[in-house]
Amino acid sequence: YWRTVEIGDPPPPPSLPPSQPLLSPLPSSPLPPSPPPPSPPPPLLRTQVIQYGKL
């Protein structure tokens, strides 16, 4: 059944390619530099949270 569902899905409409030019102006405009991603919390904090959750 899964295979039939995948084959039955209609192909993407041709309107998708034209949408790309509309998005192109966005990168051209000066965008503020995105801040660096926050460093992941140390595993110690995660273990403490798990312990509190068990309590």
Protein backbone atom coordinates (compact mmCIF):
# COMPACT_ATOMS: atom_id res chain seq x y z
CA TYR A 1 0.00 0.00 0.00
CA TRP A 2 2.84 2.43 0.84
CA ARG A 3 4.31 2.00 -2.65
CA THR A 4 0.97 2.73 -4.30
CA VAL A 5 0.61 5.89 -2.18
CA GLU A 6 4.06 7.16 -3.23
CA ILE A 7 3.32 6.49 -6.92
CA GLY A 8 -0.14 8.06 -6.60
CA ASP A 9 1.29 11.37 -5.31
CA PRO A 10 0.99 13.98 -8.12
CA PRO A 11 4.28 15.49 -9.41
CA PRO A 12 5.26 18.93 -8.03
CA PRO A 13 3.38 21.73 -9.87
CA PRO A 14 5.46 23.70 -12.42
CA SER A 15 4.79 26.83 -10.33
CA LEU A 16 7.72 25.90 -8.03
CA PRO A 17 10.58 26.91 -10.44
CA PRO A 18 9.14 30.44 -10.99
CA SER A 19 9.04 30.91 -7.20
CA GLN A 20 12.86 30.65 -7.04
CA PRO A 21 13.48 34.02 -8.83
CA LEU A 22 11.14 35.69 -6.32
CA LEU A 23 13.31 34.41 -3.44
CA SER A 24 16.58 35.42 -5.19
CA PRO A 25 16.24 39.15 -4.21
CA LEU A 26 16.26 38.16 -0.52
CA PRO A 27 19.90 36.90 -0.41
CA SER A 28 21.01 39.90 -2.52
CA SER A 29 19.72 42.32 0.15
CA PRO A 30 22.18 42.97 3.03
CA LEU A 31 21.18 40.63 5.86
CA PRO A 32 22.52 40.97 9.44
CA PRO A 33 25.03 38.20 10.29
CA SER A 34 23.25 35.40 12.11
CA PRO A 35 24.51 34.99 15.72
CA PRO A 36 26.59 31.84 16.39
CA PRO A 37 24.49 28.87 17.55
CA PRO A 38 24.47 28.53 21.37
CA SER A 39 26.83 25.85 22.62
CA PRO A 40 24.98 22.67 23.70
CA PRO A 41 24.63 22.33 27.51
CA PRO A 42 27.19 20.01 29.14
CA PRO A 43 26.02 16.41 29.70
CA LEU A 44 26.18 17.02 33.46
CA LEU A 45 23.19 19.38 33.33
CA ARG A 46 21.24 16.85 31.28
CA THR A 47 21.94 14.08 33.78
CA GLN A 48 20.83 16.33 36.67
CA VAL A 49 17.58 17.16 34.84
CA ILE A 50 16.93 13.44 34.27
CA GLN A 51 17.56 12.75 37.99
CA TYR A 52 15.15 15.52 39.03
CA GLY A 53 12.56 14.16 36.58
CA LYS A 54 12.84 10.70 38.19
CA LEU A 55 12.40 12.21 41.65
